[in-house]
């Protein structure tokens, strides 16, 4: 029987971050994942990019992940929001005198490699790749997991970090609010003639938002990632375009302000949906990341919500351990539930509301939206509050998100 403080089902970005956070405070974790991590080395495994908020980056610094990154990431110093390509819009920047970027853009494969390297360096982390749970028992006095190869694991707490289709969440009968958007996200990386100046763009069209995200330059040009939400019925047509035709469409969608562009990667398509668990805890069970909630990528906050889950759960467990509590104790699970429920619900509803608001066609709704953006831009405290939300620095932050050890 192999024992640890926590068994984590799922070795993705959030599961690995949680293990590293626990390890940094001396708690032991066992990660179980059916994936062969060698497949991550192929860029086609996950060609997406992610915006890591400044608070998530602070956690990376605090738990020792940053030093394993293959590249530092591209800082996002301004976020511009526009209703189509007409003049006007809204810009978010750090407060005057604050040099910390709003976030950093990273390729997912680099994030995975860094988090895996940090986990491998951890003294208190056991990594069981290419492994799958055959049975899970959550009892009054502990959790017991039997793997398909017969290995027996035991811990006070089970954490599900399995992603949107979490089998552990489903088998626990945890109720979900869920729906699908009539949109598919088309993701690609492109080079462009003009520099991006570390600006991230969210350009709203009735057919769906177009996100343009700055990345580090390459030898022969400037580089950005796009997340283009199109009507699902149109996605096949966009994917069928030649690279040159798609580049021309993308250039038109961004108003041509970055000059000529060309594709650097294959296009990938992801159907968009929303789900939110009514509760993120059960008997000796906690959900983190997409197992607990998945939102529209309109504000790039989905992954950061998962990192906030990891930071909060790690702090709850570490502080509970110092008090001598059972790590699966109901009062610890209730604290984690209370801490994360309001934040995740507010972000989820905000992104869903924006998606629906900017999807209303017509000149009058567009005029109203632009007037609202203009007014927001003139109200300094409101603008700064929205910038803080983008950085992930608002609300009751766990210590790790402030850059402090637990």
Protein backbone atom coordinates (compact mmCIF):
# COMPACT_ATOMS: atom_id res chain seq x y z
CA UNK A 1 0.00 0.00 0.00
CA UNK A 2 1.46 3.35 -1.10
CA UNK A 3 0.33 6.19 1.17
CA UNK A 4 0.39 9.95 0.63
CA UNK A 5 -1.42 13.01 1.95
CA UNK A 6 -3.34 13.54 -1.30
CA UNK A 7 -4.11 11.43 -4.37
CA UNK A 8 -4.57 13.59 -7.48
CA UNK A 9 -6.36 12.00 -10.42
CA UNK A 10 -5.12 13.96 -13.42
CA UNK A 11 -1.64 15.22 -14.24
CA UNK A 12 -2.53 18.17 -16.42
CA UNK A 13 -1.57 21.78 -15.79
CA UNK A 14 -3.74 22.27 -12.70
CA UNK A 15 -3.06 18.86 -11.17
CA UNK A 16 0.70 19.35 -11.49
CA UNK A 17 0.47 22.88 -10.07
CA UNK A 18 -1.43 21.57 -7.04
CA UNK A 19 1.15 18.85 -6.43
CA UNK A 20 3.96 21.41 -6.63
CA UNK A 21 2.15 23.73 -4.21
CA UNK A 22 1.68 20.91 -1.70
CA UNK A 23 5.28 19.77 -2.14
CA UNK A 24 6.57 23.28 -1.45
CA UNK A 25 4.94 23.06 2.00
CA UNK A 26 6.02 19.51 2.75
CA UNK A 27 2.82 17.58 2.00
CA UNK A 28 3.00 14.44 -0.14
CA UNK A 29 0.98 13.90 -3.32
CA UNK A 30 0.53 11.00 -5.74
CA UNK A 31 -0.49 11.89 -9.30
CA UNK A 32 -2.29 9.27 -11.39
CA UNK A 33 -2.72 9.92 -15.11
CA UNK A 34 -3.20 7.60 -18.12
CA UNK A 35 -1.24 9.88 -20.45
CA UNK A 36 2.30 9.16 -21.60
CA UNK A 37 4.08 12.50 -21.01
CA UNK A 38 6.45 11.78 -23.90
CA UNK A 39 3.54 12.70 -26.18
CA UNK A 40 3.69 16.26 -24.84
CA UNK A 41 6.94 16.88 -26.68
CA UNK A 42 5.05 16.90 -29.96
CA UNK A 43 3.75 20.41 -30.57
CA UNK A 44 0.64 18.91 -32.21
CA UNK A 45 -0.41 17.37 -28.86
CA UNK A 46 -1.68 20.76 -27.71
CA UNK A 47 -0.96 23.70 -29.97
CA UNK A 48 -2.84 26.14 -27.76
CA UNK A 49 -1.43 29.07 -25.84
CA UNK A 50 -2.55 30.37 -22.46
CA UNK A 51 -2.52 33.71 -20.71
CA UNK A 52 -1.03 33.21 -17.25
CA UNK A 53 -2.27 36.05 -15.05
CA UNK A 54 0.16 37.98 -12.88
CA UNK A 55 -1.21 36.29 -9.74
CA UNK A 56 -0.73 32.83 -11.26
CA UNK A 57 2.80 33.84 -12.20
CA UNK A 58 3.44 34.83 -8.58
CA UNK A 59 2.40 31.32 -7.57
CA UNK A 60 4.78 29.86 -10.15
CA UNK A 61 7.56 31.92 -8.59
CA UNK A 62 6.64 30.86 -5.05
CA UNK A 63 6.47 27.11 -5.75
CA UNK A 64 9.49 26.91 -8.05
CA UNK A 65 7.89 26.46 -11.47
CA UNK A 66 9.21 29.61 -13.17
CA UNK A 67 12.80 28.38 -13.27
CA UNK A 68 11.75 25.36 -15.35
CA UNK A 69 10.08 27.39 -18.12
CA UNK A 70 11.80 27.03 -21.50
CA UNK A 71 11.18 30.72 -22.15
CA UNK A 72 9.93 33.51 -19.87
CA UNK A 73 6.74 34.09 -21.82
CA UNK A 74 5.58 37.25 -23.50
CA UNK A 75 4.34 39.95 -21.09
CA UNK A 76 0.88 41.41 -21.68
CA UNK A 77 1.11 45.09 -20.77
CA UNK A 78 -2.19 46.28 -22.24
CA UNK A 79 -5.54 44.65 -22.97
CA UNK A 80 -7.67 46.41 -25.56
CA UNK A 81 -11.35 45.64 -26.02
CA UNK A 82 -13.16 46.75 -29.16
CA UNK A 83 -16.62 46.35 -30.66
CA UNK A 84 -15.62 45.46 -34.18
CA UNK A 85 -12.87 47.45 -35.85
CA UNK A 86 -14.56 50.84 -35.49
CA UNK A 87 -12.68 53.54 -33.54
CA UNK A 88 -13.03 53.65 -29.78
CA UNK A 89 -12.93 50.83 -27.28
CA UNK A 90 -11.42 50.26 -23.90
CA UNK A 91 -7.84 49.76 -22.71
CA UNK A 92 -6.70 48.13 -19.48
CA UNK A 93 -3.21 48.73 -18.14
CA UNK A 94 -1.46 48.37 -14.77
CA UNK A 95 -1.86 51.39 -12.46
CA UNK A 96 0.72 54.12 -12.89
CA UNK A 97 4.02 53.17 -11.28
CA UNK A 98 3.24 49.44 -11.33
CA UNK A 99 5.55 47.61 -13.72
CA UNK A 100 4.06 44.13 -13.22
CA UNK A 101 2.39 43.03 -16.48
CA UNK A 102 -1.25 42.01 -16.58
CA UNK A 103 -0.10 38.51 -17.51
CA UNK A 104 2.21 36.42 -19.67
CA UNK A 105 1.48 34.42 -22.79
CA UNK A 106 2.88 30.88 -22.86
CA UNK A 107 2.61 27.94 -25.18
CA UNK A 108 0.78 25.14 -23.38
CA UNK A 109 3.53 22.65 -24.23
CA UNK A 110 6.06 24.84 -22.39
CA UNK A 111 3.77 25.12 -19.37
CA UNK A 112 3.30 21.34 -19.28
CA UNK A 113 7.03 20.71 -19.57
CA UNK A 114 7.85 23.19 -16.78
CA UNK A 115 5.21 21.84 -14.40
CA UNK A 116 6.29 18.26 -15.11
CA UNK A 117 9.95 19.15 -14.47
CA UNK A 118 8.98 20.84 -11.19
CA UNK A 119 7.01 17.77 -10.14
CA UNK A 120 9.90 15.47 -10.98
CA UNK A 121 12.18 17.64 -8.84
CA UNK A 122 9.79 17.51 -5.89
CA UNK A 123 10.79 15.36 -2.92
CA UNK A 124 7.18 14.70 -1.94
CA UNK A 125 5.57 13.91 -5.32
CA UNK A 126 5.02 10.45 -6.79
CA UNK A 127 4.21 10.48 -10.52
CA UNK A 128 2.32 7.46 -11.87
CA UNK A 129 2.05 8.10 -15.60
CA UNK A 130 0.33 5.64 -17.95
CA UNK A 131 -1.79 4.59 -14.97
CA UNK A 132 -5.53 4.50 -14.45
CA UNK A 133 -7.75 3.91 -11.46
CA UNK A 134 -9.68 0.63 -11.62
CA UNK A 135 -11.60 1.31 -8.42
CA UNK A 136 -11.97 4.17 -5.94
CA UNK A 137 -13.40 3.91 -2.43
CA UNK A 138 -14.05 7.02 -0.37
CA UNK A 139 -14.83 5.93 3.17
CA UNK A 140 -15.30 7.48 6.57
CA UNK A 141 -11.63 7.07 7.42
CA UNK A 142 -9.79 7.48 4.13
CA UNK A 143 -9.58 7.03 0.36
CA UNK A 144 -8.36 3.85 -1.31
CA UNK A 145 -7.53 3.62 -5.02
CA UNK A 146 -6.63 0.44 -6.87
CA UNK A 147 -4.90 0.99 -10.21
CA UNK A 148 -5.39 -1.23 -13.25
CA UNK A 149 -1.95 -2.75 -12.68
CA UNK A 150 -2.95 -3.75 -9.14
CA UNK A 151 -1.11 -0.97 -7.30
CA UNK A 152 -2.89 0.09 -4.10
CA UNK A 153 -2.92 3.75 -3.02
CA UNK A 154 -4.27 5.33 0.15
CA UNK A 155 -4.69 8.93 1.34
CA UNK A 156 -7.02 11.06 3.46
CA UNK A 157 -8.17 13.04 0.37
CA UNK A 158 -8.85 12.50 -3.33
CA UNK A 159 -8.60 15.40 -5.78
CA UNK A 160 -10.17 15.23 -9.25
CA UNK A 161 -8.15 17.22 -11.80
CA UNK A 162 -9.33 15.18 -14.77
CA UNK A 163 -10.73 17.93 -17.00
CA UNK A 164 -14.18 18.65 -18.36
CA UNK A 165 -15.30 15.04 -18.63
CA UNK A 166 -14.19 14.09 -15.12
CA UNK A 167 -15.31 10.48 -14.46
CA UNK A 168 -14.73 10.94 -10.72
CA UNK A 169 -17.13 13.90 -10.61
CA UNK A 170 -19.73 11.98 -12.57
CA UNK A 171 -19.47 8.84 -10.43
CA UNK A 172 -19.88 11.00 -7.32
CA UNK A 173 -23.19 12.28 -8.70
CA UNK A 174 -22.20 15.93 -8.38
CA UNK A 175 -24.82 18.08 -10.14
CA UNK A 176 -23.74 20.36 -12.97
CA UNK A 177 -25.14 23.40 -14.74
CA UNK A 178 -24.02 23.08 -18.33
CA UNK A 179 -24.76 24.26 -21.83
CA UNK A 180 -23.04 24.52 -25.20
CA UNK A 181 -22.41 27.72 -27.09
CA UNK A 182 -23.11 27.76 -30.79
CA UNK A 183 -19.44 28.57 -31.30
CA UNK A 184 -16.21 26.78 -32.08
CA UNK A 185 -12.83 28.29 -31.22
CA UNK A 186 -10.26 28.17 -34.00
CA UNK A 187 -6.75 28.41 -32.59
CA UNK A 188 -3.53 29.14 -34.45
CA UNK A 189 -0.24 31.02 -34.20
CA UNK A 190 0.76 33.52 -36.85
CA UNK A 191 3.56 35.91 -37.71
CA UNK A 192 2.89 39.53 -38.65
CA UNK A 193 4.64 42.48 -40.20
CA UNK A 194 4.13 45.06 -37.44
CA UNK A 195 5.08 44.63 -33.74
CA UNK A 196 2.26 43.84 -31.29
CA UNK A 197 3.70 46.14 -28.59
CA UNK A 198 2.68 43.60 -25.91
CA UNK A 199 -0.99 44.37 -26.46
CA UNK A 200 -3.69 41.69 -26.23
CA UNK A 201 -6.83 42.39 -28.23
CA UNK A 202 -10.39 41.16 -27.76
CA UNK A 203 -12.38 42.25 -30.81
CA UNK A 204 -16.09 41.50 -30.61
CA UNK A 205 -18.21 40.65 -33.61
CA UNK A 206 -21.82 39.42 -33.64
CA UNK A 207 -20.52 36.14 -35.06
CA UNK A 208 -18.13 35.73 -32.11
CA UNK A 209 -15.07 37.31 -30.44
CA UNK A 210 -11.63 37.42 -32.06
CA UNK A 211 -8.75 37.35 -29.57
CA UNK A 212 -5.25 38.37 -30.63
CA UNK A 213 -2.61 37.48 -28.05
CA UNK A 214 1.04 38.65 -28.11
CA UNK A 215 3.84 36.09 -28.14
CA UNK A 216 7.62 36.37 -28.11
CA UNK A 217 9.18 37.32 -31.44
CA UNK A 218 10.91 34.74 -33.58
CA UNK A 219 13.98 35.16 -35.78
CA UNK A 220 12.07 36.16 -38.91
CA UNK A 221 9.22 38.22 -37.48
CA UNK A 222 6.71 39.13 -34.84
CA UNK A 223 4.33 36.52 -33.50
CA UNK A 224 0.84 36.33 -31.98
CA UNK A 225 -1.73 33.66 -31.20
CA UNK A 226 -5.37 33.91 -32.17
CA UNK A 227 -8.48 32.41 -30.61
CA UNK A 228 -11.25 33.03 -33.10
CA UNK A 229 -14.76 32.07 -32.01
CA UNK A 230 -16.90 31.40 -35.05
CA UNK A 231 -20.37 29.98 -35.51
CA UNK A 232 -20.10 26.21 -35.23
CA UNK A 233 -21.79 25.76 -38.61
CA UNK A 234 -19.02 27.88 -40.19
CA UNK A 235 -16.04 26.21 -38.50
CA UNK A 236 -15.59 23.50 -41.13
CA UNK A 237 -15.40 26.16 -43.81
CA UNK A 238 -12.72 28.10 -41.93
CA UNK A 239 -10.69 24.94 -41.45
CA UNK A 240 -11.03 24.05 -45.13
CA UNK A 241 -9.47 27.34 -46.26
CA UNK A 242 -5.88 27.32 -47.46
CA UNK A 243 -3.34 28.92 -45.14
CA UNK A 244 -3.20 31.96 -47.39
CA UNK A 245 -6.99 32.31 -47.50
CA UNK A 246 -7.31 31.93 -43.75
CA UNK A 247 -4.53 34.49 -43.18
CA UNK A 248 -6.41 36.95 -45.37
CA UNK A 249 -9.61 36.40 -43.36
CA UNK A 250 -7.74 36.86 -40.08
CA UNK A 251 -6.07 40.03 -41.36
CA UNK A 252 -9.49 41.44 -42.24
CA UNK A 253 -10.89 40.49 -38.82
CA UNK A 254 -8.13 42.43 -37.07
CA UNK A 255 -8.47 45.42 -39.38
CA UNK A 256 -5.05 44.91 -40.92
CA UNK A 257 -3.27 46.92 -38.22
CA UNK A 258 -0.47 44.34 -37.89
CA UNK A 259 0.26 44.32 -41.62
CA UNK A 260 0.72 41.16 -43.66
CA UNK A 261 0.43 37.90 -41.77
CA UNK A 262 1.15 34.21 -42.35
CA UNK A 263 0.27 31.10 -40.41
CA UNK A 264 3.00 29.38 -38.38
CA UNK A 265 0.99 26.43 -37.08
CA UNK A 266 -1.86 24.20 -38.08
CA UNK A 267 -5.32 25.35 -37.11
CA UNK A 268 -7.10 23.52 -34.31
CA UNK A 269 -10.80 23.69 -33.48
CA UNK A 270 -12.44 23.32 -30.07
CA UNK A 271 -16.21 23.37 -29.44
CA UNK A 272 -17.11 25.85 -26.71
CA UNK A 273 -19.27 25.09 -23.71
CA UNK A 274 -19.97 26.07 -20.13
CA UNK A 275 -20.29 23.95 -17.03
CA UNK A 276 -20.26 24.69 -13.33
CA UNK A 277 -20.52 22.20 -10.48
CA UNK A 278 -23.16 22.98 -7.85
CA UNK A 279 -20.60 21.83 -5.26
CA UNK A 280 -16.88 21.27 -5.71
CA UNK A 281 -16.48 18.97 -2.67
CA UNK A 282 -17.93 15.68 -1.52
CA UNK A 283 -16.89 13.14 1.08
CA UNK A 284 -13.06 13.15 0.99
CA UNK A 285 -13.17 14.61 -2.52
CA UNK A 286 -12.30 18.02 -3.98
CA UNK A 287 -12.61 19.19 -7.58
CA UNK A 288 -10.12 21.57 -9.20
CA UNK A 289 -9.83 23.18 -12.62
CA UNK A 290 -12.05 22.05 -15.48
CA UNK A 291 -13.40 19.20 -13.36
CA UNK A 292 -15.17 21.90 -11.35
CA UNK A 293 -15.89 24.59 -13.94
CA UNK A 294 -15.30 25.46 -17.58
CA UNK A 295 -16.05 28.84 -19.10
CA UNK A 296 -15.98 30.65 -22.43
CA UNK A 297 -12.40 31.69 -23.35
CA UNK A 298 -13.57 35.26 -23.95
CA UNK A 299 -11.40 36.67 -21.13
CA UNK A 300 -8.69 34.00 -21.03
CA UNK A 301 -9.46 33.21 -17.39
CA UNK A 302 -10.28 29.50 -17.52
CA UNK A 303 -6.81 28.17 -16.73
CA UNK A 304 -6.21 30.87 -14.12
CA UNK A 305 -9.39 29.85 -12.31
CA UNK A 306 -7.84 26.39 -12.06
CA UNK A 307 -4.59 27.75 -10.67
CA UNK A 308 -6.61 29.72 -8.11
CA UNK A 309 -8.34 26.49 -7.12
CA UNK A 310 -4.93 24.86 -6.64
CA UNK A 311 -3.60 27.76 -4.55
CA UNK A 312 -6.68 27.87 -2.31
CA UNK A 313 -6.91 24.10 -1.81
CA UNK A 314 -3.18 23.84 -1.05
CA UNK A 315 -3.45 26.57 1.60
CA UNK A 316 -6.52 24.96 3.20
CA UNK A 317 -4.76 21.59 3.39
CA UNK A 318 -1.42 22.92 4.63
CA UNK A 319 -3.04 25.00 7.35
CA UNK A 320 -5.22 22.03 8.30
CA UNK A 321 -2.19 19.76 8.54
CA UNK A 322 -0.46 22.24 10.86
CA UNK A 323 -3.49 22.07 13.15
CA UNK A 324 -3.30 18.28 13.12
CA UNK A 325 -6.59 17.86 11.23
CA UNK A 326 -7.50 14.96 8.97
CA UNK A 327 -6.94 16.34 5.44
CA UNK A 328 -10.27 14.90 4.33
CA UNK A 329 -12.10 16.56 7.21
CA UNK A 330 -15.45 18.08 6.35
CA UNK A 331 -14.59 21.49 7.78
CA UNK A 332 -11.55 21.77 5.49
CA UNK A 333 -13.65 20.81 2.47
CA UNK A 334 -16.30 23.35 3.48
CA UNK A 335 -13.66 26.08 3.75
CA UNK A 336 -12.38 25.29 0.26
CA UNK A 337 -15.97 25.26 -1.06
CA UNK A 338 -16.75 28.67 0.45
CA UNK A 339 -13.47 30.19 -0.67
CA UNK A 340 -13.79 29.24 -4.32
CA UNK A 341 -17.53 29.20 -4.99
CA UNK A 342 -18.16 32.96 -5.21
CA UNK A 343 -15.07 33.73 -7.33
CA UNK A 344 -15.73 30.98 -9.86
CA UNK A 345 -19.41 31.81 -10.16
CA UNK A 346 -18.76 35.54 -10.66
CA UNK A 347 -16.14 34.93 -13.36
CA UNK A 348 -18.32 32.31 -15.06
CA UNK A 349 -21.37 34.55 -15.16
CA UNK A 350 -19.33 37.58 -16.30
CA UNK A 351 -17.80 35.73 -19.25
CA UNK A 352 -21.15 34.20 -20.20
CA UNK A 353 -22.83 37.61 -19.98
CA UNK A 354 -20.20 39.28 -22.15
CA UNK A 355 -20.51 36.53 -24.75
CA UNK A 356 -24.24 37.05 -24.98
CA UNK A 357 -24.11 40.87 -24.79
CA UNK A 358 -21.61 41.24 -27.63
CA UNK A 359 -23.42 38.64 -29.69
CA UNK A 360 -26.46 40.91 -30.14
CA UNK A 361 -26.36 42.19 -33.75
CA UNK A 362 -27.43 45.61 -34.97
CA UNK A 363 -26.26 49.21 -34.92
CA UNK A 364 -28.15 50.25 -31.80
CA UNK A 365 -26.72 47.52 -29.54
CA UNK A 366 -23.27 48.33 -30.92
CA UNK A 367 -23.70 52.03 -30.11
CA UNK A 368 -24.82 51.18 -26.58
CA UNK A 369 -21.81 48.90 -26.06
CA UNK A 370 -19.39 51.52 -27.32
CA UNK A 371 -20.94 54.18 -25.12
CA UNK A 372 -20.57 51.83 -22.14
CA UNK A 373 -16.92 51.18 -22.95
CA UNK A 374 -16.25 54.90 -23.32
CA UNK A 375 -17.86 55.59 -19.95
CA UNK A 376 -15.92 52.79 -18.27
CA UNK A 377 -12.68 54.16 -19.69
CA UNK A 378 -13.35 57.51 -18.01
CA UNK A 379 -14.08 56.09 -14.56
CA UNK A 380 -10.63 55.40 -13.13
CA UNK A 381 -11.60 53.21 -10.12
CA UNK A 382 -13.86 51.03 -12.26
CA UNK A 383 -11.22 50.66 -14.96
CA UNK A 384 -8.58 49.76 -12.36
CA UNK A 385 -10.92 47.21 -10.77
CA UNK A 386 -11.46 45.51 -14.12
CA UNK A 387 -7.70 45.50 -14.72
CA UNK A 388 -7.23 43.86 -11.29
CA UNK A 389 -9.74 41.18 -12.30
CA UNK A 390 -7.71 40.51 -15.44
CA UNK A 391 -4.54 40.17 -13.35
CA UNK A 392 -6.27 37.90 -10.86
CA UNK A 393 -5.35 40.21 -7.97
CA UNK A 394 -8.81 41.05 -6.66
CA UNK A 395 -10.72 39.38 -3.85
CA UNK A 396 -9.48 37.16 -1.02
CA UNK A 397 -6.25 35.88 -2.56
CA UNK A 398 -4.49 32.75 -1.30
CA UNK A 399 -0.93 33.36 -0.11
CA UNK A 400 0.64 31.72 -3.17
CA UNK A 401 -1.18 34.12 -5.51
CA UNK A 402 0.39 36.98 -3.60
CA UNK A 403 3.80 35.42 -4.16
CA UNK A 404 4.12 34.29 -0.53
CA UNK A 405 4.86 30.77 0.76
CA UNK A 406 2.12 28.93 2.57
